[in-house]
Amino acid sequence: MARRVIFWWAFGLLLCSLFVVRNGTADEHTKPVKAGKLSFRVPIGWTQQTPASPMRTAQFEIPVRCNNSEAVSVVLYYFGPNQGGSVEANLKRWEQQFAAPEGTSLADVKKIEQKRPAGLNVTILELAGTYVAPLSPRNPTARHSKPNYCLFAAVVETADGPFFFKIVGPAQSMEQQRAHFMQLIDSLSFQTK
């Protein structure tokens, strides 16, 4: 009986130490970011930049590891309390920025997922195809035409209104970033006071 107790105690201690080491390792490869009351962690390799517009609360460049690939950026948008539209409106807008690969539909190449990190409602959208978003809000008829692109986007619902994460880039580069983006989402927290 005493051997069983010692075995299970030692086994539990081993599991706890593995959990601490694993979490410590994750933290060693990420850095904390605070955007207003929203906090999250990003990979150390992502370079934080000065946001390019007042609508952006944070912006990062991701190092590209693929030949001839464009730089990939991560943008966090916040428009203010109750601004920026509903979750459904944003999903629809992002979907309109992509054309499905030939022989498929957007339904075939999109994935929607719900998460609840720290009690926040987060809706995540993944899309693949040709990126056809307008080049500029002032000129909606001039559009990108970039095949083999992907989008990872998320609407984070908070007490102060929604925050919007968006990453768009070449599929090969984006595939390398999927796990990092999900870790970012899992690390989200919101200061309520």
Protein backbone atom coordinates (compact mmCIF):
# COMPACT_ATOMS: atom_id res chain seq x y z
CA MET A 1 0.00 0.00 0.00
CA ALA A 2 2.77 2.43 0.97
CA ARG A 3 4.58 1.69 -2.35
CA ARG A 4 1.45 2.60 -4.33
CA VAL A 5 1.07 5.86 -2.44
CA ILE A 6 4.72 6.73 -3.04
CA PHE A 7 4.42 5.75 -6.73
CA TRP A 8 1.35 7.93 -7.31
CA TRP A 9 2.86 10.81 -5.32
CA ALA A 10 6.07 10.61 -7.41
CA PHE A 11 4.06 10.29 -10.64
CA GLY A 12 2.00 13.38 -9.72
CA LEU A 13 5.16 15.32 -8.89
CA LEU A 14 6.64 14.34 -12.27
CA LEU A 15 3.51 15.52 -14.12
CA CYS A 16 3.54 18.83 -12.25
CA SER A 17 7.21 19.40 -13.02
CA LEU A 18 6.62 18.63 -16.71
CA PHE A 19 3.77 21.15 -16.75
CA VAL A 20 5.97 23.85 -15.18
CA VAL A 21 8.87 23.13 -17.55
CA ARG A 22 6.55 23.13 -20.57
CA ASN A 23 4.91 26.42 -19.58
CA GLY A 24 8.27 27.96 -18.71
CA THR A 25 9.62 26.98 -22.13
CA ALA A 26 6.63 28.56 -23.89
CA ASP A 27 7.17 31.78 -21.97
CA GLU A 28 10.87 31.78 -22.87
CA HIS A 29 9.94 31.86 -26.58
CA THR A 30 7.29 34.57 -26.28
CA LYS A 31 7.07 38.11 -25.01
CA PRO A 32 4.15 39.90 -23.36
CA VAL A 33 2.28 42.67 -25.17
CA LYS A 34 -0.31 45.07 -23.77
CA ALA A 35 -2.71 46.93 -26.08
CA GLY A 36 -4.93 49.03 -23.86
CA LYS A 37 -6.65 46.60 -21.49
CA LEU A 38 -5.95 43.62 -23.77
CA SER A 39 -2.84 41.54 -23.06
CA PHE A 40 -1.33 38.66 -25.01
CA ARG A 41 1.97 36.97 -25.85
CA VAL A 42 3.74 36.86 -29.22
CA PRO A 43 6.80 34.94 -30.43
CA ILE A 44 10.09 36.67 -29.69
CA GLY A 45 10.86 36.65 -33.45
CA TRP A 46 7.90 38.91 -34.25
CA THR A 47 9.09 42.52 -34.51
CA GLN A 48 6.79 45.07 -32.93
CA GLN A 49 6.25 48.14 -35.12
CA THR A 50 4.70 51.54 -34.70
CA PRO A 51 1.07 51.16 -35.82
CA ALA A 52 0.54 52.59 -39.32
CA SER A 53 -2.80 54.20 -38.45
CA PRO A 54 -4.80 55.30 -35.39
CA MET A 55 -7.17 52.33 -35.90
CA ARG A 56 -4.30 49.95 -35.13
CA THR A 57 -3.40 49.37 -31.50
CA ALA A 58 -0.54 46.97 -32.23
CA GLN A 59 1.37 45.82 -35.29
CA PHE A 60 4.09 43.22 -35.82
CA GLU A 61 6.20 42.02 -38.72
CA ILE A 62 6.84 38.29 -38.99
CA PRO A 63 10.20 37.21 -40.39
CA VAL A 64 9.69 35.45 -43.70
CA ARG A 65 11.41 32.10 -44.15
CA CYS A 66 10.29 31.41 -47.72
CA ASN A 67 12.11 32.50 -50.86
CA ASN A 68 10.64 35.51 -52.65
CA SER A 69 7.86 35.89 -50.10
CA GLU A 70 6.46 39.22 -49.04
CA ALA A 71 6.71 40.28 -45.42
CA VAL A 72 3.80 39.12 -43.30
CA SER A 73 2.35 41.47 -40.73
CA VAL A 74 0.03 40.96 -37.78
CA VAL A 75 -2.32 43.83 -37.05
CA LEU A 76 -4.57 44.41 -34.05
CA TYR A 77 -7.44 46.84 -34.68
CA TYR A 78 -9.60 48.56 -32.08
CA PHE A 79 -12.18 51.21 -33.03
CA GLY A 80 -13.62 52.01 -29.61
CA PRO A 81 -16.54 50.84 -27.48
CA ASN A 82 -19.29 49.21 -29.55
CA GLN A 83 -17.48 50.09 -32.79
CA GLY A 84 -16.15 47.95 -35.63
CA GLY A 85 -19.27 45.93 -36.39
CA SER A 86 -20.60 42.58 -35.30
CA VAL A 87 -18.72 39.29 -35.43
CA GLU A 88 -20.86 38.17 -38.39
CA ALA A 89 -20.29 41.44 -40.31
CA ASN A 90 -16.52 41.11 -39.92
CA LEU A 91 -16.48 37.46 -40.95
CA LYS A 92 -18.45 38.38 -44.07
CA ARG A 93 -16.14 41.33 -44.86
CA TRP A 94 -13.03 39.16 -44.52
CA GLU A 95 -14.59 36.46 -46.70
CA GLN A 96 -15.21 39.07 -49.42
CA GLN A 97 -11.46 39.72 -49.46
CA PHE A 98 -10.81 36.22 -50.86
CA ALA A 99 -11.71 34.29 -54.00
CA ALA A 100 -11.79 30.51 -53.62
CA PRO A 101 -9.34 28.40 -55.65
CA GLU A 102 -10.74 27.16 -58.94
CA GLY A 103 -13.15 24.27 -58.52
CA THR A 104 -13.94 25.11 -54.88
CA SER A 105 -16.09 27.51 -52.91
CA LEU A 106 -15.23 29.68 -49.91
CA ALA A 107 -17.13 27.18 -47.78
CA ASP A 108 -14.54 24.57 -48.83
CA VAL A 109 -11.55 26.71 -47.83
CA LYS A 110 -12.74 28.45 -44.68
CA LYS A 111 -12.63 27.34 -41.09
CA ILE A 112 -14.41 29.07 -38.20
CA GLU A 113 -13.49 28.23 -34.62
CA GLN A 114 -14.65 29.50 -31.24
CA LYS A 115 -12.35 29.83 -28.22
CA ARG A 116 -12.78 31.22 -24.71
CA PRO A 117 -9.37 32.22 -23.34
CA ALA A 118 -9.71 33.85 -19.92
CA GLY A 119 -13.49 33.93 -20.41
CA LEU A 120 -13.35 36.06 -23.58
CA ASN A 121 -15.46 35.12 -26.60
CA VAL A 122 -13.11 34.78 -29.57
CA THR A 123 -14.18 33.85 -33.09
CA ILE A 124 -11.35 32.76 -35.39
CA LEU A 125 -11.52 32.64 -39.18
CA GLU A 126 -9.07 30.91 -41.51
CA LEU A 127 -9.34 31.38 -45.28
CA ALA A 128 -7.25 30.28 -48.25
CA GLY A 129 -7.35 31.31 -51.90
CA THR A 130 -6.65 34.46 -53.90
CA TYR A 131 -6.43 37.63 -51.85
CA VAL A 132 -8.61 40.21 -53.62
CA ALA A 133 -9.10 42.91 -50.96
CA PRO A 134 -9.22 46.55 -52.08
CA LEU A 135 -5.80 48.17 -52.33
CA SER A 136 -7.15 51.16 -50.42
CA PRO A 137 -10.42 52.06 -48.67
CA ARG A 138 -10.48 55.19 -50.83
CA ASN A 139 -10.36 53.17 -54.05
CA PRO A 140 -12.42 49.98 -53.57
CA THR A 141 -12.35 49.07 -57.28
CA ALA A 142 -8.54 48.63 -57.39
CA ARG A 143 -7.88 45.25 -55.81
CA HIS A 144 -5.06 42.90 -54.90
CA SER A 145 -4.76 39.72 -56.92
CA LYS A 146 -2.53 37.41 -54.90
CA PRO A 147 -3.08 33.66 -55.38
CA ASN A 148 -2.08 31.08 -52.77
CA TYR A 149 -2.70 33.39 -49.85
CA CYS A 150 -4.12 32.72 -46.39
CA LEU A 151 -5.83 34.77 -43.73
CA PHE A 152 -5.97 34.20 -40.00
CA ALA A 153 -8.32 36.63 -38.27
CA ALA A 154 -10.05 36.84 -34.92
CA VAL A 155 -12.75 38.92 -33.27
CA VAL A 156 -12.12 39.27 -29.54
CA GLU A 157 -15.25 40.39 -27.70
CA THR A 158 -14.51 42.47 -24.59
CA ALA A 159 -16.43 44.70 -22.19
CA ASP A 160 -14.94 47.71 -24.03
CA GLY A 161 -15.93 46.49 -27.49
CA PRO A 162 -14.33 44.15 -29.99
CA PHE A 163 -10.65 43.88 -30.90
CA PHE A 164 -9.71 42.46 -34.32
CA PHE A 165 -6.55 40.49 -35.15
CA LYS A 166 -5.65 39.99 -38.80
CA ILE A 167 -2.75 38.27 -40.57
CA VAL A 168 -2.64 37.88 -44.36
CA GLY A 169 0.22 36.41 -46.33
CA PRO A 170 1.53 33.75 -48.71
CA ALA A 171 0.20 30.32 -47.79
CA GLN A 172 3.65 28.82 -47.26
CA SER A 173 4.63 31.55 -44.77
CA MET A 174 1.26 31.45 -43.05
CA GLU A 175 1.35 27.69 -42.52
CA GLN A 176 4.46 28.25 -40.39
CA GLN A 177 2.57 30.81 -38.27
CA ARG A 178 -0.70 28.98 -37.52
CA ALA A 179 0.52 27.55 -34.20
CA HIS A 180 1.93 30.94 -33.14
CA PHE A 181 -1.37 32.66 -33.92
CA MET A 182 -3.32 30.08 -31.89
CA GLN A 183 -0.88 30.50 -28.98
CA LEU A 184 -1.46 34.26 -29.16
CA ILE A 185 -5.23 33.69 -28.97
CA ASP A 186 -4.86 31.23 -26.08
CA SER A 187 -2.77 33.80 -24.15
CA LEU A 188 -5.38 36.59 -24.35
CA SER A 189 -6.55 38.31 -21.20
CA PHE A 190 -8.53 41.48 -20.57
CA GLN A 191 -8.22 43.86 -17.62
CA THR A 192 -11.74 44.60 -16.46
CA LYS A 193 -10.87 47.44 -14.05
